[in-house]
């Protein structure tokens, strides 16, 4: 199977950043399953994002921040 159509780079980068809505995420994930070229691009974007995060200065967390996050893990997902 030859893939002739590819998502634009901005959609692939948004997928790597985790900012797509559910429908877009599913569509891009499905494409990435069969397209090594786009999959490689997304992996590169994930590496860039990771490098950017590593370059940020450390920030202090407030008291109870972890407990607040853990409490939200069981809340229902809100749609955007």
C-alpha atoms as a PDB file:
ATOM      1  CA  UNK A   1       0.000   0.000   0.000  1.00  0.00           C
ATOM      2  CA  UNK A   2       1.383   3.381  -1.019  1.00  0.00           C
ATOM      3  CA  UNK A   3       0.348   6.366   1.041  1.00  0.00           C
ATOM      4  CA  UNK A   4      -0.055   9.400  -1.176  1.00  0.00           C
ATOM      5  CA  UNK A   5      -1.585  11.914   1.242  1.00  0.00           C
ATOM      6  CA  UNK A   6      -0.010  13.021   4.480  1.00  0.00           C
ATOM      7  CA  UNK A   7      -1.163  15.313   7.290  1.00  0.00           C
ATOM      8  CA  UNK A   8       0.435  18.750   7.288  1.00  0.00           C
ATOM      9  CA  UNK A   9       3.440  19.218   9.576  1.00  0.00           C
ATOM     10  CA  UNK A  10       1.529  21.430  12.017  1.00  0.00           C
ATOM     11  CA  UNK A  11      -0.981  18.622  12.667  1.00  0.00           C
ATOM     12  CA  UNK A  12       1.826  16.135  13.190  1.00  0.00           C
ATOM     13  CA  UNK A  13       3.556  18.529  15.598  1.00  0.00           C
ATOM     14  CA  UNK A  14       0.277  19.083  17.456  1.00  0.00           C
ATOM     15  CA  UNK A  15      -0.106  15.308  17.752  1.00  0.00           C
ATOM     16  CA  UNK A  16       3.392  15.114  19.272  1.00  0.00           C
ATOM     17  CA  UNK A  17       2.472  17.903  21.690  1.00  0.00           C
ATOM     18  CA  UNK A  18      -0.784  16.201  22.654  1.00  0.00           C
ATOM     19  CA  UNK A  19      -2.948  19.176  21.700  1.00  0.00           C
ATOM     20  CA  UNK A  20      -5.308  17.590  19.152  1.00  0.00           C
ATOM     21  CA  UNK A  21      -8.938  16.844  19.904  1.00  0.00           C
ATOM     22  CA  UNK A  22      -9.966  13.183  20.115  1.00  0.00           C
ATOM     23  CA  UNK A  23     -11.092  12.903  16.481  1.00  0.00           C
ATOM     24  CA  UNK A  24      -7.915  14.469  15.112  1.00  0.00           C
ATOM     25  CA  UNK A  25      -5.801  12.350  17.445  1.00  0.00           C
ATOM     26  CA  UNK A  26      -7.417   9.131  16.223  1.00  0.00           C
ATOM     27  CA  UNK A  27      -7.058  10.144  12.563  1.00  0.00           C
ATOM     28  CA  UNK A  28      -3.378  11.029  12.928  1.00  0.00           C
ATOM     29  CA  UNK A  29      -2.607   7.958  15.057  1.00  0.00           C
ATOM     30  CA  UNK A  30      -4.207   5.759  12.411  1.00  0.00           C
ATOM     31  CA  UNK A  31      -2.100   7.388   9.704  1.00  0.00           C
ATOM     32  CA  UNK A  32       1.093   7.039  11.764  1.00  0.00           C
ATOM     33  CA  UNK A  33       0.479   3.312  12.142  1.00  0.00           C
ATOM     34  CA  UNK A  34       1.022   2.874   8.388  1.00  0.00           C
ATOM     35  CA  UNK A  35       3.372   5.741   7.521  1.00  0.00           C
ATOM     36  CA  UNK A  36       6.989   5.481   8.622  1.00  0.00           C
ATOM     37  CA  UNK A  37       7.808   8.928   7.181  1.00  0.00           C
ATOM     38  CA  UNK A  38       5.230  10.744   9.325  1.00  0.00           C
ATOM     39  CA  UNK A  39       5.976   8.521  12.320  1.00  0.00           C
ATOM     40  CA  UNK A  40       9.636   9.547  12.126  1.00  0.00           C
ATOM     41  CA  UNK A  41       8.615  13.214  11.944  1.00  0.00           C
ATOM     42  CA  UNK A  42       6.423  12.874  15.047  1.00  0.00           C
ATOM     43  CA  UNK A  43       9.235  11.132  16.946  1.00  0.00           C
ATOM     44  CA  UNK A  44      11.542  14.030  16.028  1.00  0.00           C
ATOM     45  CA  UNK A  45       8.983  16.560  17.277  1.00  0.00           C
ATOM     46  CA  UNK A  46       8.679  14.619  20.551  1.00  0.00           C
ATOM     47  CA  UNK A  47      12.455  14.777  20.949  1.00  0.00           C
ATOM     48  CA  UNK A  48      12.448  18.535  20.289  1.00  0.00           C
ATOM     49  CA  UNK A  49       9.698  19.009  22.871  1.00  0.00           C
ATOM     50  CA  UNK A  50      11.602  16.944  25.407  1.00  0.00           C
ATOM     51  CA  UNK A  51      14.776  18.941  24.812  1.00  0.00           C
ATOM     52  CA  UNK A  52      12.854  22.183  25.295  1.00  0.00           C
ATOM     53  CA  UNK A  53      11.395  20.934  28.579  1.00  0.00           C
ATOM     54  CA  UNK A  54      14.802  19.831  29.808  1.00  0.00           C
ATOM     55  CA  UNK A  55      16.122  23.323  29.107  1.00  0.00           C
ATOM     56  CA  UNK A  56      13.594  25.005  31.387  1.00  0.00           C
ATOM     57  CA  UNK A  57      14.635  25.948  34.908  1.00  0.00           C
ATOM     58  CA  UNK A  58      13.286  23.801  37.715  1.00  0.00           C
ATOM     59  CA  UNK A  59      10.173  25.140  39.402  1.00  0.00           C
ATOM     60  CA  UNK A  60       9.009  24.562  42.930  1.00  0.00           C
ATOM     61  CA  UNK A  61       5.709  22.806  43.484  1.00  0.00           C
ATOM     62  CA  UNK A  62       3.263  24.094  46.039  1.00  0.00           C
ATOM     63  CA  UNK A  63       2.405  22.007  49.079  1.00  0.00           C
ATOM     64  CA  UNK A  64      -0.273  19.493  48.167  1.00  0.00           C
ATOM     65  CA  UNK A  65       0.241  19.824  44.402  1.00  0.00           C
ATOM     66  CA  UNK A  66       0.824  16.105  43.896  1.00  0.00           C
ATOM     67  CA  UNK A  67      -2.197  15.165  45.996  1.00  0.00           C
ATOM     68  CA  UNK A  68      -4.339  17.576  43.954  1.00  0.00           C
ATOM     69  CA  UNK A  69      -3.205  15.959  40.696  1.00  0.00           C
ATOM     70  CA  UNK A  70      -3.801  12.453  42.042  1.00  0.00           C
ATOM     71  CA  UNK A  71      -7.303  13.450  43.155  1.00  0.00           C
ATOM     72  CA  UNK A  72      -8.116  14.606  39.620  1.00  0.00           C
ATOM     73  CA  UNK A  73      -7.019  11.324  38.008  1.00  0.00           C
ATOM     74  CA  UNK A  74     -10.373   9.686  38.743  1.00  0.00           C
ATOM     75  CA  UNK A  75     -12.482  12.625  37.535  1.00  0.00           C
ATOM     76  CA  UNK A  76     -14.384  12.204  34.256  1.00  0.00           C
ATOM     77  CA  UNK A  77     -12.653  13.628  31.179  1.00  0.00           C
ATOM     78  CA  UNK A  78     -14.121  16.946  30.044  1.00  0.00           C
ATOM     79  CA  UNK A  79     -14.483  17.423  26.308  1.00  0.00           C
ATOM     80  CA  UNK A  80     -12.924  20.503  24.801  1.00  0.00           C
END
